[in-house]
Amino acid sequence: MLINEIFYSLQGEGYHVGTAAVFVRLSGCNLHCPFCDTQHESGTEMSEEEIVAEVAKYPARLVVITGGEPSLQLTRSLVNALHNANRFVAVETNGTRRLPGNVDWITLSPKDAYLGDSAKPVLRIVDEIKVVFDGEHEPSMYPGIMCTHARFLQPCDTDDPVRNRAITEAAIEYIKKDSRWKLSLQIHKILNIR
């Protein structure tokens, strides 16, 4: 697998915010979002055994497979190997491709509001939905997708503090009008950690 990076930090977003986690960032993505904050094209080839050995260096049980887009490379056998190492495997995905059925947690971060029908999610059951909110696009509740835990609005980080504040305020107002949503802030950026 082509691995962009493996690192240890706190989950900065969504349901598991604040939880110690090992992040396995896979290289490559099938979408090109205008607000993407991740350099995910380059990487190092690693075997599944090497990935598990690197993950095992850290004490956290939570392993977050992210990208890029994990569904381009993630295998059932890697998830099984991480399970055998007593890890809980969460995946952050744009949802445009199927995932192995043995993943423990699916965070769907759909991008079709920005990229159109070519980015529509195909997943139908997820644990959480995390919509990047820019204050302009009306967020979909994705009624055709069963979400077992929570639906989050996450203000888009534009690298412009004034614009970011306006987007965050718009997200707060939106949630106050539609309480089916929860706010997800990127606390890793607030705390200046990875």
Protein backbone atom coordinates (compact mmCIF):
# COMPACT_ATOMS: atom_id res chain seq x y z
CA MET A 1 0.00 0.00 0.00
CA LEU A 2 1.10 3.53 -0.65
CA ILE A 3 1.23 5.26 2.76
CA ASN A 4 1.45 9.02 3.00
CA GLU A 5 2.15 8.97 6.75
CA ILE A 6 1.46 7.19 10.02
CA PHE A 7 1.38 9.33 13.14
CA TYR A 8 0.06 9.42 16.70
CA SER A 9 -2.13 12.22 17.99
CA LEU A 10 -5.68 12.97 19.19
CA GLN A 11 -8.71 12.63 16.96
CA GLY A 12 -9.53 16.25 16.24
CA GLU A 13 -12.98 15.91 14.66
CA GLY A 14 -16.37 14.28 14.99
CA TYR A 15 -17.65 11.68 17.41
CA HIS A 16 -14.28 10.49 18.75
CA VAL A 17 -12.85 14.01 19.24
CA GLY A 18 -10.16 14.11 21.90
CA THR A 19 -9.45 10.36 21.75
CA ALA A 20 -5.84 9.23 21.33
CA ALA A 21 -5.48 7.64 17.90
CA VAL A 22 -2.96 6.31 15.43
CA PHE A 23 -3.60 7.86 12.01
CA VAL A 24 -2.79 5.88 8.89
CA ARG A 25 -3.03 8.29 5.96
CA LEU A 26 -3.25 6.45 2.65
CA SER A 27 -2.06 8.22 -0.50
CA GLY A 28 -4.33 9.14 -3.39
CA CYS A 29 -7.88 10.36 -3.80
CA ASN A 30 -10.55 10.02 -6.46
CA LEU A 31 -11.85 13.56 -5.79
CA HIS A 32 -10.21 16.97 -5.94
CA CYS A 33 -11.98 19.15 -3.43
CA PRO A 34 -11.15 22.86 -3.62
CA PHE A 35 -10.76 23.11 0.17
CA CYS A 36 -8.68 19.97 0.75
CA ASP A 37 -6.04 20.60 3.42
CA THR A 38 -4.17 17.34 2.94
CA GLN A 39 -1.15 16.62 0.79
CA HIS A 40 -1.87 12.97 0.06
CA GLU A 41 -0.38 12.11 -3.33
CA SER A 42 3.14 11.05 -2.33
CA GLY A 43 3.98 8.13 -0.10
CA THR A 44 6.01 5.11 0.80
CA GLU A 45 5.12 1.56 -0.20
CA MET A 46 4.46 -0.52 2.93
CA SER A 47 3.23 -4.06 3.38
CA GLU A 48 0.27 -4.73 5.65
CA GLU A 49 2.68 -6.30 8.16
CA GLU A 50 4.80 -3.13 8.17
CA ILE A 51 1.72 -0.97 8.69
CA VAL A 52 0.54 -3.06 11.65
CA ALA A 53 4.06 -3.04 13.14
CA GLU A 54 4.16 0.77 12.92
CA VAL A 55 0.67 1.10 14.45
CA ALA A 56 1.68 -1.28 17.27
CA LYS A 57 4.39 1.17 18.40
CA TYR A 58 1.65 3.34 19.92
CA PRO A 59 -0.65 2.51 22.85
CA ALA A 60 -3.94 3.83 21.40
CA ARG A 61 -6.60 1.29 20.51
CA LEU A 62 -8.22 3.63 17.96
CA VAL A 63 -6.74 3.52 14.46
CA VAL A 64 -8.06 6.07 11.97
CA ILE A 65 -7.58 5.14 8.33
CA THR A 66 -7.78 8.34 6.31
CA GLY A 67 -6.39 9.88 3.18
CA GLY A 68 -6.83 10.96 0.47
CA GLU A 69 -9.52 8.37 0.03
CA PRO A 70 -8.98 5.10 1.97
CA SER A 71 -11.36 3.03 -0.15
CA LEU A 72 -8.87 3.14 -3.02
CA GLN A 73 -6.45 0.89 -1.12
CA LEU A 74 -7.94 -0.43 2.14
CA THR A 75 -8.25 -4.22 2.30
CA ARG A 76 -10.18 -6.62 4.48
CA SER A 77 -6.90 -8.33 5.35
CA LEU A 78 -5.36 -5.12 6.74
CA VAL A 79 -8.45 -4.51 8.88
CA ASN A 80 -8.26 -8.13 10.12
CA ALA A 81 -4.56 -7.71 10.94
CA LEU A 82 -5.31 -4.54 12.92
CA HIS A 83 -8.12 -6.36 14.74
CA ASN A 84 -5.66 -9.14 15.59
CA ALA A 85 -3.46 -6.42 17.12
CA ASN A 86 -6.46 -5.41 19.30
CA ARG A 87 -7.18 -2.21 17.40
CA PHE A 88 -10.53 -0.53 16.66
CA VAL A 89 -10.52 0.51 13.01
CA ALA A 90 -12.25 3.74 11.99
CA VAL A 91 -12.29 4.97 8.39
CA GLU A 92 -12.83 8.53 7.16
CA THR A 93 -14.20 8.37 3.62
CA ASN A 94 -15.93 10.47 0.99
CA GLY A 95 -18.25 7.47 0.54
CA THR A 96 -18.01 7.23 -3.24
CA ARG A 97 -16.66 3.67 -3.10
CA ARG A 98 -17.43 0.60 -1.00
CA LEU A 99 -15.32 -0.29 2.05
CA PRO A 100 -14.38 -3.68 3.45
CA GLY A 101 -17.27 -4.99 5.56
CA ASN A 102 -15.14 -5.57 8.66
CA VAL A 103 -14.43 -1.89 9.45
CA ASP A 104 -15.55 -0.92 12.99
CA TRP A 105 -16.51 2.71 12.39
CA ILE A 106 -17.31 4.69 9.24
CA THR A 107 -17.13 8.46 9.13
CA LEU A 108 -18.76 9.65 5.93
CA SER A 109 -17.60 13.07 4.78
CA PRO A 110 -19.54 13.55 1.53
CA LYS A 111 -18.34 16.07 -1.03
CA ASP A 112 -21.18 16.03 -3.57
CA ALA A 113 -22.38 19.50 -2.48
CA TYR A 114 -19.13 20.85 -3.92
CA LEU A 115 -18.40 18.42 -6.74
CA GLY A 116 -21.82 17.28 -7.98
CA ASP A 117 -23.25 13.86 -8.75
CA SER A 118 -19.86 12.28 -9.51
CA ALA A 119 -19.12 12.57 -5.79
CA LYS A 120 -22.45 11.18 -4.51
CA PRO A 121 -22.01 8.66 -1.69
CA VAL A 122 -22.75 5.00 -2.41
CA LEU A 123 -22.55 3.94 1.25
CA ARG A 124 -25.94 3.40 2.92
CA ILE A 125 -25.04 2.66 6.56
CA VAL A 126 -22.45 4.74 8.42
CA ASP A 127 -21.68 5.64 12.02
CA GLU A 128 -21.37 9.38 11.55
CA ILE A 129 -21.80 11.93 8.79
CA LYS A 130 -19.45 14.91 8.84
CA VAL A 131 -20.33 17.60 6.31
CA VAL A 132 -17.78 20.31 5.56
CA PHE A 133 -19.83 23.50 5.83
CA ASP A 134 -18.85 26.63 3.91
CA GLY A 135 -21.82 28.77 4.92
CA GLU A 136 -23.08 28.83 1.34
CA HIS A 137 -24.16 25.30 0.43
CA GLU A 138 -27.24 23.97 2.22
CA PRO A 139 -26.12 20.77 3.99
CA SER A 140 -28.02 17.64 3.07
CA MET A 141 -29.22 15.34 5.85
CA TYR A 142 -28.61 12.43 3.45
CA PRO A 143 -31.98 10.82 4.21
CA GLY A 144 -31.13 7.71 2.19
CA ILE A 145 -28.16 6.97 4.44
CA MET A 146 -28.67 5.39 7.86
CA CYS A 147 -26.42 7.19 10.34
CA THR A 148 -26.20 5.30 13.64
CA HIS A 149 -24.64 8.00 15.85
CA ALA A 150 -24.44 11.65 14.80
CA ARG A 151 -24.50 14.16 11.96
CA PHE A 152 -21.87 16.88 12.21
CA LEU A 153 -21.41 20.22 10.50
CA GLN A 154 -17.74 21.10 10.36
CA PRO A 155 -16.86 24.67 9.42
CA CYS A 156 -14.57 24.76 6.39
CA ASP A 157 -11.06 26.02 7.15
CA THR A 158 -10.20 28.60 4.49
CA ASP A 159 -6.91 29.79 6.08
CA ASP A 160 -8.56 33.22 6.38
CA PRO A 161 -9.39 33.93 10.06
CA VAL A 162 -12.12 36.44 9.21
CA ARG A 163 -13.82 34.08 6.73
CA ASN A 164 -13.38 31.13 9.12
CA ARG A 165 -15.13 33.03 11.91
CA ALA A 166 -18.04 33.91 9.60
CA ILE A 167 -18.37 30.28 8.49
CA THR A 168 -18.29 29.05 12.11
CA GLU A 169 -20.95 31.57 13.10
CA ALA A 170 -23.10 30.48 10.15
CA ALA A 171 -22.69 26.83 11.21
CA ILE A 172 -23.75 27.67 14.76
CA GLU A 173 -26.82 29.51 13.53
CA TYR A 174 -27.70 26.65 11.19
CA ILE A 175 -27.47 24.10 14.02
CA LYS A 176 -29.60 26.30 16.27
CA LYS A 177 -32.30 26.18 13.55
CA ASP A 178 -31.88 22.46 12.83
CA SER A 179 -30.86 20.63 16.01
CA ARG A 180 -30.42 17.31 14.20
CA TRP A 181 -26.87 18.56 13.54
CA LYS A 182 -23.94 18.86 15.96
CA LEU A 183 -20.93 21.13 15.60
CA SER A 184 -17.55 19.57 14.86
CA LEU A 185 -14.56 21.85 15.25
CA GLN A 186 -11.10 20.77 14.13
CA ILE A 187 -9.58 20.88 17.61
CA HIS A 188 -6.22 19.64 16.36
CA LYS A 189 -5.92 22.93 14.47
CA ILE A 190 -7.09 24.94 17.48
CA LEU A 191 -4.54 23.17 19.69
CA ASN A 192 -1.86 23.27 16.99
CA ILE A 193 -1.24 19.52 17.08
CA ARG A 194 -1.21 17.01 14.23
